[in-house]
Structures are given as structure tokens and as C-alpha cells.
Amino acid sequence: MNRYILIRRLRGPAFLLLVGVNALLAQSHILGWSRSWPFYLILAGVLALAERAALATDGGMMPPPYPGAPVPAAPPPTTESASIVPAHSHDFSDDSNGGQS
């Protein structure tokens, strides 16, 4: 099974488990419901990072949403330079030594 799908399927049970732990802590007067919202945000962020990491290791393509769905074609590889430095540099002078003096 794809790791991305596994993480997506564990999202609901993870939040349900967090609600259960939160209920136990509220019953014990350790942590109230109104102060537990950061834990839900942290869990959502960790799961989103795990999904993104799983997509990156599996090739970056999301699986189809249902069995038999058409799979989009991968974009063609680009041959353009993606570096910060341009491929062709133009000096201010026409010296043969690259503008060095």
C-alpha cells in the first residue's frame, strides 16, 4: 500500500484518539477543552508534513481518488536552467579575459 494513502487513512483515527485523550485529561481536571486546541493544530500539521514527505519519496504524484480513475500524465521534464546564475553572462567589456583587469 502507498504510504500516502496509509497516512490519509490514519488521519481520522488519530484525531479520534486525540479527542479521547483530551476527554480523559478534562475528566481528571488536568487540561480543559478550551486549552487543548493547539494539540489539534499540531496533529494536523504533523499529518500534513507526513503526507507531503510520503508524496515526495513516492515520486510526487498523488494516487487517483478512486479505483479506476484516470491517472494524469506526468509533466514533461524541462531542459531550462533553474539556477540563479544565468546560463549566458554578458560582461560590460569585450575583453578576452572575461572583464578581469
PDB file of N, CA and C in Angstrom:
ATOM      1  N   MET A   1       0.845  -1.181   0.000  1.00  0.00           N
ATOM      2  CA  MET A   1       0.000   0.000   0.000  1.00  0.00           C
ATOM      3  C   MET A   1       0.888   1.242   0.000  1.00  0.00           C
ATOM      4  N   ASN A   2       0.433   2.245  -0.665  1.00  0.00           N
ATOM      5  CA  ASN A   2       1.147   3.504  -0.750  1.00  0.00           C
ATOM      6  C   ASN A   2       1.185   4.174   0.631  1.00  0.00           C
ATOM      7  N   ARG A   3       2.342   4.753   0.986  1.00  0.00           N
ATOM      8  CA  ARG A   3       2.458   5.405   2.304  1.00  0.00           C
ATOM      9  C   ARG A   3       1.553   6.619   2.412  1.00  0.00           C
ATOM     10  N   TYR A   4       1.345   7.324   1.303  1.00  0.00           N
ATOM     11  CA  TYR A   4       0.458   8.481   1.308  1.00  0.00           C
ATOM     12  C   TYR A   4      -0.964   8.068   1.676  1.00  0.00           C
ATOM     13  N   ILE A   5      -1.438   6.982   1.080  1.00  0.00           N
ATOM     14  CA  ILE A   5      -2.792   6.501   1.370  1.00  0.00           C
ATOM     15  C   ILE A   5      -2.885   6.043   2.821  1.00  0.00           C
ATOM     16  N   LEU A   6      -1.847   5.388   3.320  1.00  0.00           N
ATOM     17  CA  LEU A   6      -1.846   4.937   4.707  1.00  0.00           C
ATOM     18  C   LEU A   6      -1.959   6.111   5.673  1.00  0.00           C
ATOM     19  N   ILE A   7      -1.222   7.180   5.420  1.00  0.00           N
ATOM     20  CA  ILE A   7      -1.281   8.357   6.297  1.00  0.00           C
ATOM     21  C   ILE A   7      -2.650   9.007   6.205  1.00  0.00           C
ATOM     22  N   ARG A   8      -3.231   9.084   4.995  1.00  0.00           N
ATOM     23  CA  ARG A   8      -4.569   9.662   4.835  1.00  0.00           C
ATOM     24  C   ARG A   8      -5.611   8.850   5.602  1.00  0.00           C
ATOM     25  N   ARG A   9      -5.453   7.542   5.615  1.00  0.00           N
ATOM     26  CA  ARG A   9      -6.410   6.687   6.322  1.00  0.00           C
ATOM     27  C   ARG A   9      -6.239   6.751   7.836  1.00  0.00           C
ATOM     28  N   LEU A  10      -5.069   7.132   8.305  1.00  0.00           N
ATOM     29  CA  LEU A  10      -4.838   7.235   9.749  1.00  0.00           C
ATOM     30  C   LEU A  10      -5.233   8.594  10.312  1.00  0.00           C
ATOM     31  N   ARG A  11      -5.623   9.540   9.468  1.00  0.00           N
ATOM     32  CA  ARG A  11      -5.969  10.878   9.938  1.00  0.00           C
ATOM     33  C   ARG A  11      -7.173  10.855  10.884  1.00  0.00           C
ATOM     34  N   GLY A  12      -8.245  10.199  10.504  1.00  0.00           N
ATOM     35  CA  GLY A  12      -9.453  10.132  11.335  1.00  0.00           C
ATOM     36  C   GLY A  12      -9.196   9.452  12.678  1.00  0.00           C
ATOM     37  N   PRO A  13      -8.603   8.252  12.677  1.00  0.00           N
ATOM     38  CA  PRO A  13      -8.316   7.614  13.957  1.00  0.00           C
ATOM     39  C   PRO A  13      -7.364   8.414  14.848  1.00  0.00           C
ATOM     40  N   ALA A  14      -6.432   9.153  14.249  1.00  0.00           N
ATOM     41  CA  ALA A  14      -5.510   9.954  15.054  1.00  0.00           C
ATOM     42  C   ALA A  14      -6.262  11.080  15.766  1.00  0.00           C
ATOM     43  N   PHE A  15      -7.175  11.748  15.058  1.00  0.00           N
ATOM     44  CA  PHE A  15      -7.959  12.797  15.698  1.00  0.00           C
ATOM     45  C   PHE A  15      -8.917  12.220  16.742  1.00  0.00           C
ATOM     46  N   LEU A  16      -9.480  11.047  16.471  1.00  0.00           N
ATOM     47  CA  LEU A  16     -10.359  10.408  17.449  1.00  0.00           C
ATOM     48  C   LEU A  16      -9.588  10.029  18.704  1.00  0.00           C
ATOM     49  N   LEU A  17      -8.381   9.548  18.548  1.00  0.00           N
ATOM     50  CA  LEU A  17      -7.535   9.229  19.687  1.00  0.00           C
ATOM     51  C   LEU A  17      -7.209  10.487  20.484  1.00  0.00           C
ATOM     52  N   LEU A  18      -6.943  11.585  19.802  1.00  0.00           N
ATOM     53  CA  LEU A  18      -6.657  12.840  20.487  1.00  0.00           C
ATOM     54  C   LEU A  18      -7.879  13.348  21.246  1.00  0.00           C
ATOM     55  N   VAL A  19      -9.060  13.175  20.687  1.00  0.00           N
ATOM     56  CA  VAL A  19     -10.282  13.569  21.403  1.00  0.00           C
ATOM     57  C   VAL A  19     -10.450  12.711  22.665  1.00  0.00           C
ATOM     58  N   GLY A  20     -10.141  11.428  22.573  1.00  0.00           N
ATOM     59  CA  GLY A  20     -10.250  10.549  23.737  1.00  0.00           C
ATOM     60  C   GLY A  20      -9.263  10.921  24.828  1.00  0.00           C
ATOM     61  N   VAL A  21      -8.019  11.216  24.441  1.00  0.00           N
ATOM     62  CA  VAL A  21      -7.012  11.636  25.428  1.00  0.00           C
ATOM     63  C   VAL A  21      -7.417  12.966  26.046  1.00  0.00           C
ATOM     64  N   ASN A  22      -7.952  13.856  25.209  1.00  0.00           N
ATOM     65  CA  ASN A  22      -8.399  15.145  25.705  1.00  0.00           C
ATOM     66  C   ASN A  22      -9.553  14.982  26.695  1.00  0.00           C
ATOM     67  N   ALA A  23     -10.465  14.053  26.425  1.00  0.00           N
ATOM     68  CA  ALA A  23     -11.576  13.798  27.339  1.00  0.00           C
ATOM     69  C   ALA A  23     -11.073  13.247  28.674  1.00  0.00           C
ATOM     70  N   LEU A  24     -10.096  12.367  28.631  1.00  0.00           N
ATOM     71  CA  LEU A  24      -9.529  11.835  29.881  1.00  0.00           C
ATOM     72  C   LEU A  24      -8.841  12.933  30.695  1.00  0.00           C
ATOM     73  N   LEU A  25      -8.102  13.795  30.028  1.00  0.00           N
ATOM     74  CA  LEU A  25      -7.435  14.889  30.729  1.00  0.00           C
ATOM     75  C   LEU A  25      -8.429  15.903  31.278  1.00  0.00           C
ATOM     76  N   ALA A  26      -9.523  16.135  30.556  1.00  0.00           N
ATOM     77  CA  ALA A  26     -10.547  17.051  31.054  1.00  0.00           C
ATOM     78  C   ALA A  26     -11.282  16.445  32.246  1.00  0.00           C
ATOM     79  N   GLN A  27     -11.505  15.148  32.220  1.00  0.00           N
ATOM     80  CA  GLN A  27     -12.171  14.468  33.339  1.00  0.00           C
ATOM     81  C   GLN A  27     -11.295  14.493  34.591  1.00  0.00           C
ATOM     82  N   SER A  28      -9.991  14.448  34.412  1.00  0.00           N
ATOM     83  CA  SER A  28      -9.057  14.475  35.542  1.00  0.00           C
ATOM     84  C   SER A  28      -8.717  15.894  35.979  1.00  0.00           C
ATOM     85  N   HIS A  29      -9.302  16.891  35.336  1.00  0.00           N
ATOM     86  CA  HIS A  29      -9.046  18.299  35.637  1.00  0.00           C
ATOM     87  C   HIS A  29      -7.570  18.669  35.437  1.00  0.00           C
ATOM     88  N   ILE A  30      -6.939  18.034  34.470  1.00  0.00           N
ATOM     89  CA  ILE A  30      -5.544  18.353  34.141  1.00  0.00           C
ATOM     90  C   ILE A  30      -5.496  19.379  33.021  1.00  0.00           C
ATOM     91  N   LEU A  31      -6.289  19.169  31.992  1.00  0.00           N
ATOM     92  CA  LEU A  31      -6.302  20.052  30.837  1.00  0.00           C
ATOM     93  C   LEU A  31      -7.739  20.192  30.358  1.00  0.00           C
ATOM     94  N   GLY A  32      -8.227  21.414  30.280  1.00  0.00           N
ATOM     95  CA  GLY A  32      -9.601  21.645  29.859  1.00  0.00           C
ATOM     96  C   GLY A  32      -9.753  21.636  28.353  1.00  0.00           C
ATOM     97  N   TRP A  33     -11.008  21.567  27.906  1.00  0.00           N
ATOM     98  CA  TRP A  33     -11.297  21.540  26.473  1.00  0.00           C
ATOM     99  C   TRP A  33     -10.888  22.848  25.797  1.00  0.00           C
ATOM    100  N   SER A  34     -11.003  23.955  26.514  1.00  0.00           N
ATOM    101  CA  SER A  34     -10.725  25.242  25.896  1.00  0.00           C
ATOM    102  C   SER A  34      -9.226  25.490  25.701  1.00  0.00           C
ATOM    103  N   ARG A  35      -8.386  24.735  26.357  1.00  0.00           N
ATOM    104  CA  ARG A  35      -6.943  24.924  26.234  1.00  0.00           C
ATOM    105  C   ARG A  35      -6.265  23.835  25.410  1.00  0.00           C
ATOM    106  N   SER A  36      -7.037  22.975  24.776  1.00  0.00           N
ATOM    107  CA  SER A  36      -6.431  21.857  24.044  1.00  0.00           C
ATOM    108  C   SER A  36      -6.405  22.077  22.539  1.00  0.00           C
ATOM    109  N   TRP A  37      -6.871  23.209  22.039  1.00  0.00           N
ATOM    110  CA  TRP A  37      -6.919  23.425  20.597  1.00  0.00           C
ATOM    111  C   TRP A  37      -5.547  23.427  19.932  1.00  0.00           C
ATOM    112  N   PRO A  38      -4.463  23.836  20.609  1.00  0.00           N
ATOM    113  CA  PRO A  38      -3.161  23.762  19.914  1.00  0.00           C
ATOM    114  C   PRO A  38      -2.757  22.332  19.550  1.00  0.00           C
ATOM    115  N   PHE A  39      -3.192  21.360  20.343  1.00  0.00           N
ATOM    116  CA  PHE A  39      -2.839  19.971  20.045  1.00  0.00           C
ATOM    117  C   PHE A  39      -3.469  19.513  18.734  1.00  0.00           C
ATOM    118  N   TYR A  40      -4.681  19.990  18.437  1.00  0.00           N
ATOM    119  CA  TYR A  40      -5.333  19.639  17.184  1.00  0.00           C
ATOM    120  C   TYR A  40      -4.600  20.269  15.998  1.00  0.00           C
ATOM    121  N   LEU A  41      -4.143  21.496  16.169  1.00  0.00           N
ATOM    122  CA  LEU A  41      -3.375  22.138  15.106  1.00  0.00           C
ATOM    123  C   LEU A  41      -2.032  21.441  14.888  1.00  0.00           C
ATOM    124  N   ILE A  42      -1.391  21.050  15.972  1.00  0.00           N
ATOM    125  CA  ILE A  42      -0.106  20.349  15.862  1.00  0.00           C
ATOM    126  C   ILE A  42      -0.292  19.012  15.161  1.00  0.00           C
ATOM    127  N   LEU A  43      -1.341  18.277  15.522  1.00  0.00           N
ATOM    128  CA  LEU A  43      -1.595  16.986  14.889  1.00  0.00           C
ATOM    129  C   LEU A  43      -1.883  17.158  13.401  1.00  0.00           C
ATOM    130  N   ALA A  44      -2.667  18.173  13.041  1.00  0.00           N
ATOM    131  CA  ALA A  44      -2.963  18.418  11.631  1.00  0.00           C
ATOM    132  C   ALA A  44      -1.689  18.768  10.867  1.00  0.00           C
ATOM    133  N   GLY A  45      -0.811  19.570  11.465  1.00  0.00           N
ATOM    134  CA  GLY A  45       0.439  19.930  10.809  1.00  0.00           C
ATOM    135  C   GLY A  45       1.378  18.749  10.645  1.00  0.00           C
ATOM    136  N   VAL A  46       1.486  17.919  11.661  1.00  0.00           N
ATOM    137  CA  VAL A  46       2.363  16.745  11.576  1.00  0.00           C
ATOM    138  C   VAL A  46       1.855  15.783  10.500  1.00  0.00           C
ATOM    139  N   LEU A  47       0.540  15.589  10.439  1.00  0.00           N
ATOM    140  CA  LEU A  47      -0.005  14.702   9.415  1.00  0.00           C
ATOM    141  C   LEU A  47       0.177  15.287   8.014  1.00  0.00           C
ATOM    142  N   ALA A  48       0.038  16.604   7.872  1.00  0.00           N
ATOM    143  CA  ALA A  48       0.251  17.230   6.566  1.00  0.00           C
ATOM    144  C   ALA A  48       1.710  17.094   6.130  1.00  0.00           C
ATOM    145  N   LEU A  49       2.647  17.272   7.061  1.00  0.00           N
ATOM    146  CA  LEU A  49       4.062  17.091   6.734  1.00  0.00           C
ATOM    147  C   LEU A  49       4.372  15.642   6.363  1.00  0.00           C
ATOM    148  N   ALA A  50       3.759  14.700   7.077  1.00  0.00           N
ATOM    149  CA  ALA A  50       3.982  13.290   6.769  1.00  0.00           C
ATOM    150  C   ALA A  50       3.430  12.939   5.390  1.00  0.00           C
ATOM    151  N   GLU A  51       2.258  13.493   5.036  1.00  0.00           N
ATOM    152  CA  GLU A  51       1.703  13.251   3.708  1.00  0.00           C
ATOM    153  C   GLU A  51       2.609  13.829   2.624  1.00  0.00           C
ATOM    154  N   ARG A  52       3.109  15.023   2.847  1.00  0.00           N
ATOM    155  CA  ARG A  52       3.983  15.664   1.855  1.00  0.00           C
ATOM    156  C   ARG A  52       5.286  14.878   1.708  1.00  0.00           C
ATOM    157  N   ALA A  53       5.833  14.381   2.812  1.00  0.00           N
ATOM    158  CA  ALA A  53       7.061  13.592   2.744  1.00  0.00           C
ATOM    159  C   ALA A  53       6.811  12.266   2.020  1.00  0.00           C
ATOM    160  N   ALA A  54       5.656  11.660   2.260  1.00  0.00           N
ATOM    161  CA  ALA A  54       5.334  10.410   1.576  1.00  0.00           C
ATOM    162  C   ALA A  54       5.169  10.639   0.080  1.00  0.00           C
ATOM    163  N   LEU A  55       4.553  11.765  -0.298  1.00  0.00           N
ATOM    164  CA  LEU A  55       4.422  12.072  -1.725  1.00  0.00           C
ATOM    165  C   LEU A  55       5.783  12.323  -2.367  1.00  0.00           C
ATOM    166  N   ALA A  56       6.665  12.984  -1.637  1.00  0.00           N
ATOM    167  CA  ALA A  56       7.981  13.296  -2.187  1.00  0.00           C
ATOM    168  C   ALA A  56       8.809  12.032  -2.397  1.00  0.00           C
ATOM    169  N   THR A  57       8.724  11.078  -1.501  1.00  0.00           N
ATOM    170  CA  THR A  57       9.509   9.853  -1.648  1.00  0.00           C
ATOM    171  C   THR A  57       8.902   8.907  -2.674  1.00  0.00           C
ATOM    172  N   ASP A  58       7.602   9.015  -2.917  1.00  0.00           N
ATOM    173  CA  ASP A  58       6.945   8.127  -3.873  1.00  0.00           C
ATOM    174  C   ASP A  58       6.915   8.687  -5.285  1.00  0.00           C
ATOM    175  N   GLY A  59       7.559   9.812  -5.525  1.00  0.00           N
ATOM    176  CA  GLY A  59       7.629  10.351  -6.864  1.00  0.00           C
ATOM    177  C   GLY A  59       6.834  11.617  -7.070  1.00  0.00           C
ATOM    178  N   GLY A  60       6.112  12.084  -6.086  1.00  0.00           N
ATOM    179  CA  GLY A  60       5.407  13.345  -6.184  1.00  0.00           C
ATOM    180  C   GLY A  60       4.052  13.289  -6.853  1.00  0.00           C
ATOM    181  N   MET A  61       3.598  12.144  -7.296  1.00  0.00           N
ATOM    182  CA  MET A  61       2.296  12.037  -7.933  1.00  0.00           C
ATOM    183  C   MET A  61       1.270  11.524  -6.935  1.00  0.00           C
ATOM    184  N   MET A  62       0.140  12.212  -6.848  1.00  0.00           N
ATOM    185  CA  MET A  62      -0.932  11.759  -5.967  1.00  0.00           C
ATOM    186  C   MET A  62      -1.637  10.575  -6.615  1.00  0.00           C
ATOM    187  N   PRO A  63      -2.070   9.592  -5.819  1.00  0.00           N
ATOM    188  CA  PRO A  63      -2.795   8.462  -6.387  1.00  0.00           C
ATOM    189  C   PRO A  63      -4.189   8.901  -6.828  1.00  0.00           C
ATOM    190  N   PRO A  64      -4.841   8.129  -7.699  1.00  0.00           N
ATOM    191  CA  PRO A  64      -6.189   8.505  -8.114  1.00  0.00           C
ATOM    192  C   PRO A  64      -7.153   8.460  -6.927  1.00  0.00           C
ATOM    193  N   PRO A  65      -8.210   9.296  -6.932  1.00  0.00           N
ATOM    194  CA  PRO A  65      -9.101   9.367  -5.780  1.00  0.00           C
ATOM    195  C   PRO A  65      -9.952   8.119  -5.573  1.00  0.00           C
ATOM    196  N   TYR A  66     -10.167   7.335  -6.627  1.00  0.00           N
ATOM    197  CA  TYR A  66     -10.947   6.113  -6.521  1.00  0.00           C
ATOM    198  C   TYR A  66     -10.397   5.109  -7.525  1.00  0.00           C
ATOM    199  N   PRO A  67     -10.628   3.819  -7.296  1.00  0.00           N
ATOM    200  CA  PRO A  67     -10.106   2.817  -8.225  1.00  0.00           C
ATOM    201  C   PRO A  67     -10.718   2.989  -9.615  1.00  0.00           C
ATOM    202  N   GLY A  68      -9.903   2.948 -10.622  1.00  0.00           N
ATOM    203  CA  GLY A  68     -10.363   3.084 -11.986  1.00  0.00           C
ATOM    204  C   GLY A  68     -10.360   4.510 -12.496  1.00  0.00           C
ATOM    205  N   ALA A  69      -9.987   5.467 -11.661  1.00  0.00           N
ATOM    206  CA  ALA A  69      -9.940   6.861 -12.084  1.00  0.00           C
ATOM    207  C   ALA A  69      -8.768   7.065 -13.024  1.00  0.00           C
ATOM    208  N   PRO A  70      -8.920   7.957 -14.010  1.00  0.00           N
ATOM    209  CA  PRO A  70      -7.791   8.191 -14.913  1.00  0.00           C
ATOM    210  C   PRO A  70      -6.640   8.862 -14.178  1.00  0.00           C
ATOM    211  N   VAL A  71      -5.456   8.383 -14.438  1.00  0.00           N
ATOM    212  CA  VAL A  71      -4.257   8.920 -13.800  1.00  0.00           C
ATOM    213  C   VAL A  71      -3.700  10.016 -14.698  1.00  0.00           C
ATOM    214  N   PRO A  72      -3.494  11.231 -14.169  1.00  0.00           N
ATOM    215  CA  PRO A  72      -2.951  12.297 -15.017  1.00  0.00           C
ATOM    216  C   PRO A  72      -1.517  11.986 -15.421  1.00  0.00           C
ATOM    217  N   ALA A  73      -1.171  12.418 -16.616  1.00  0.00           N
ATOM    218  CA  ALA A  73       0.176  12.186 -17.116  1.00  0.00           C
ATOM    219  C   ALA A  73       1.156  13.098 -16.409  1.00  0.00           C
ATOM    220  N   ALA A  74       2.347  12.609 -16.227  1.00  0.00           N
ATOM    221  CA  ALA A  74       3.392  13.410 -15.586  1.00  0.00           C
ATOM    222  C   ALA A  74       3.824  14.511 -16.539  1.00  0.00           C
ATOM    223  N   PRO A  75       4.133  15.686 -16.017  1.00  0.00           N
ATOM    224  CA  PRO A  75       4.585  16.762 -16.907  1.00  0.00           C
ATOM    225  C   PRO A  75       5.941  16.413 -17.512  1.00  0.00           C
ATOM    226  N   PRO A  76       6.187  16.863 -18.747  1.00  0.00           N
ATOM    227  CA  PRO A  76       7.478  16.541 -19.375  1.00  0.00           C
ATOM    228  C   PRO A  76       8.615  17.247 -18.651  1.00  0.00           C
ATOM    229  N   PRO A  77       9.779  16.629 -18.611  1.00  0.00           N
ATOM    230  CA  PRO A  77      10.910  17.273 -17.934  1.00  0.00           C
ATOM    231  C   PRO A  77      11.347  18.520 -18.694  1.00  0.00           C
ATOM    232  N   THR A  78      11.709  19.534 -17.950  1.00  0.00           N
ATOM    233  CA  THR A  78      12.147  20.775 -18.572  1.00  0.00           C
ATOM    234  C   THR A  78      13.660  20.768 -18.732  1.00  0.00           C
ATOM    235  N   THR A  79      14.120  21.401 -19.789  1.00  0.00           N
ATOM    236  CA  THR A  79      15.553  21.481 -20.034  1.00  0.00           C
ATOM    237  C   THR A  79      16.091  22.861 -19.721  1.00  0.00           C
ATOM    238  N   GLU A  80      15.237  23.751 -19.228  1.00  0.00           N
ATOM    239  CA  GLU A  80      15.664  25.096 -18.905  1.00  0.00           C
ATOM    240  C   GLU A  80      16.506  25.095 -17.634  1.00  0.00           C
ATOM    241  N   SER A  81      17.350  26.076 -17.538  1.00  0.00           N
ATOM    242  CA  SER A  81      18.181  26.213 -16.355  1.00  0.00           C
ATOM    243  C   SER A  81      17.369  26.823 -15.230  1.00  0.00           C
ATOM    244  N   ALA A  82      17.424  26.221 -14.069  1.00  0.00           N
ATOM    245  CA  ALA A  82      16.687  26.727 -12.917  1.00  0.00           C
ATOM    246  C   ALA A  82      17.616  27.362 -11.897  1.00  0.00           C
ATOM    247  N   SER A  83      18.834  27.644 -12.291  1.00  0.00           N
ATOM    248  CA  SER A  83      19.782  28.210 -11.349  1.00  0.00           C
ATOM    249  C   SER A  83      19.595  29.715 -11.242  1.00  0.00           C
ATOM    250  N   ILE A  84      20.179  30.288 -10.235  1.00  0.00           N
ATOM    251  CA  ILE A  84      20.096  31.724 -10.017  1.00  0.00           C
ATOM    252  C   ILE A  84      21.000  32.450 -11.001  1.00  0.00           C
ATOM    253  N   VAL A  85      22.138  31.867 -11.291  1.00  0.00           N
ATOM    254  CA  VAL A  85      23.090  32.479 -12.213  1.00  0.00           C
ATOM    255  C   VAL A  85      22.628  32.180 -13.628  1.00  0.00           C
ATOM    256  N   PRO A  86      22.536  33.193 -14.499  1.00  0.00           N
ATOM    257  CA  PRO A  86      22.087  32.929 -15.870  1.00  0.00           C
ATOM    258  C   PRO A  86      23.081  32.064 -16.630  1.00  0.00           C
ATOM    259  N   ALA A  87      22.586  31.361 -17.619  1.00  0.00           N
ATOM    260  CA  ALA A  87      23.433  30.457 -18.387  1.00  0.00           C
ATOM    261  C   ALA A  87      24.445  31.218 -19.236  1.00  0.00           C
ATOM    262  N   HIS A  88      24.051  32.353 -19.802  1.00  0.00           N
ATOM    263  CA  HIS A  88      24.940  33.168 -20.616  1.00  0.00           C
ATOM    264  C   HIS A  88      25.168  34.485 -19.904  1.00  0.00           C
ATOM    265  N   SER A  89      26.411  34.762 -19.560  1.00  0.00           N
ATOM    266  CA  SER A  89      26.698  36.032 -18.890  1.00  0.00           C
ATOM    267  C   SER A  89      27.273  37.010 -19.900  1.00  0.00           C
ATOM    268  N   HIS A  90      26.849  38.241 -19.799  1.00  0.00           N
ATOM    269  CA  HIS A  90      27.328  39.295 -20.679  1.00  0.00           C
ATOM    270  C   HIS A  90      28.103  40.288 -19.828  1.00  0.00           C
ATOM    271  N   ASP A  91      29.377  40.415 -20.145  1.00  0.00           N
ATOM    272  CA  ASP A  91      30.224  41.352 -19.406  1.00  0.00           C
ATOM    273  C   ASP A  91      30.057  42.751 -19.974  1.00  0.00           C
ATOM    274  N   PHE A  92      30.447  43.722 -19.199  1.00  0.00           N
ATOM    275  CA  PHE A  92      30.378  45.102 -19.641  1.00  0.00           C
ATOM    276  C   PHE A  92      31.480  45.417 -20.650  1.00  0.00           C
ATOM    277  N   SER A  93      32.534  44.685 -20.623  1.00  0.00           N
ATOM    278  CA  SER A  93      33.623  44.916 -21.564  1.00  0.00           C
ATOM    279  C   SER A  93      33.771  43.703 -22.469  1.00  0.00           C
ATOM    280  N   ASP A  94      34.441  43.896 -23.573  1.00  0.00           N
ATOM    281  CA  ASP A  94      34.639  42.811 -24.524  1.00  0.00           C
ATOM    282  C   ASP A  94      36.041  42.230 -24.428  1.00  0.00           C
ATOM    283  N   ASP A  95      36.597  42.241 -23.243  1.00  0.00           N
ATOM    284  CA  ASP A  95      37.957  41.701 -23.055  1.00  0.00           C
ATOM    285  C   ASP A  95      37.917  40.186 -23.212  1.00  0.00           C
ATOM    286  N   SER A  96      39.023  39.651 -23.659  1.00  0.00           N
ATOM    287  CA  SER A  96      39.093  38.204 -23.839  1.00  0.00           C
ATOM    288  C   SER A  96      39.291  37.468 -22.518  1.00  0.00           C
ATOM    289  N   ASN A  97      39.677  38.207 -21.474  1.00  0.00           N
ATOM    290  CA  ASN A  97      39.909  37.553 -20.189  1.00  0.00           C
ATOM    291  C   ASN A  97      38.679  37.656 -19.278  1.00  0.00           C
ATOM    292  N   GLY A  98      37.494  37.886 -19.841  1.00  0.00           N
ATOM    293  CA  GLY A  98      36.275  37.886 -19.050  1.00  0.00           C
ATOM    294  C   GLY A  98      36.038  39.154 -18.268  1.00  0.00           C
ATOM    295  N   GLY A  99      36.637  40.270 -18.658  1.00  0.00           N
ATOM    296  CA  GLY A  99      36.421  41.528 -17.978  1.00  0.00           C
ATOM    297  C   GLY A  99      37.333  41.743 -16.793  1.00  0.00           C
ATOM    298  N   GLN A 100      38.244  40.810 -16.578  1.00  0.00           N
ATOM    299  CA  GLN A 100      39.206  40.944 -15.479  1.00  0.00           C
ATOM    300  C   GLN A 100      40.325  41.904 -15.902  1.00  0.00           C
ATOM    301  N   SER A 101      40.821  42.701 -14.987  1.00  0.00           N
ATOM    302  CA  SER A 101      41.923  43.596 -15.350  1.00  0.00           C
ATOM    303  C   SER A 101      43.202  43.171 -14.697  1.00  0.00           C
TER     304      SER A 101
END
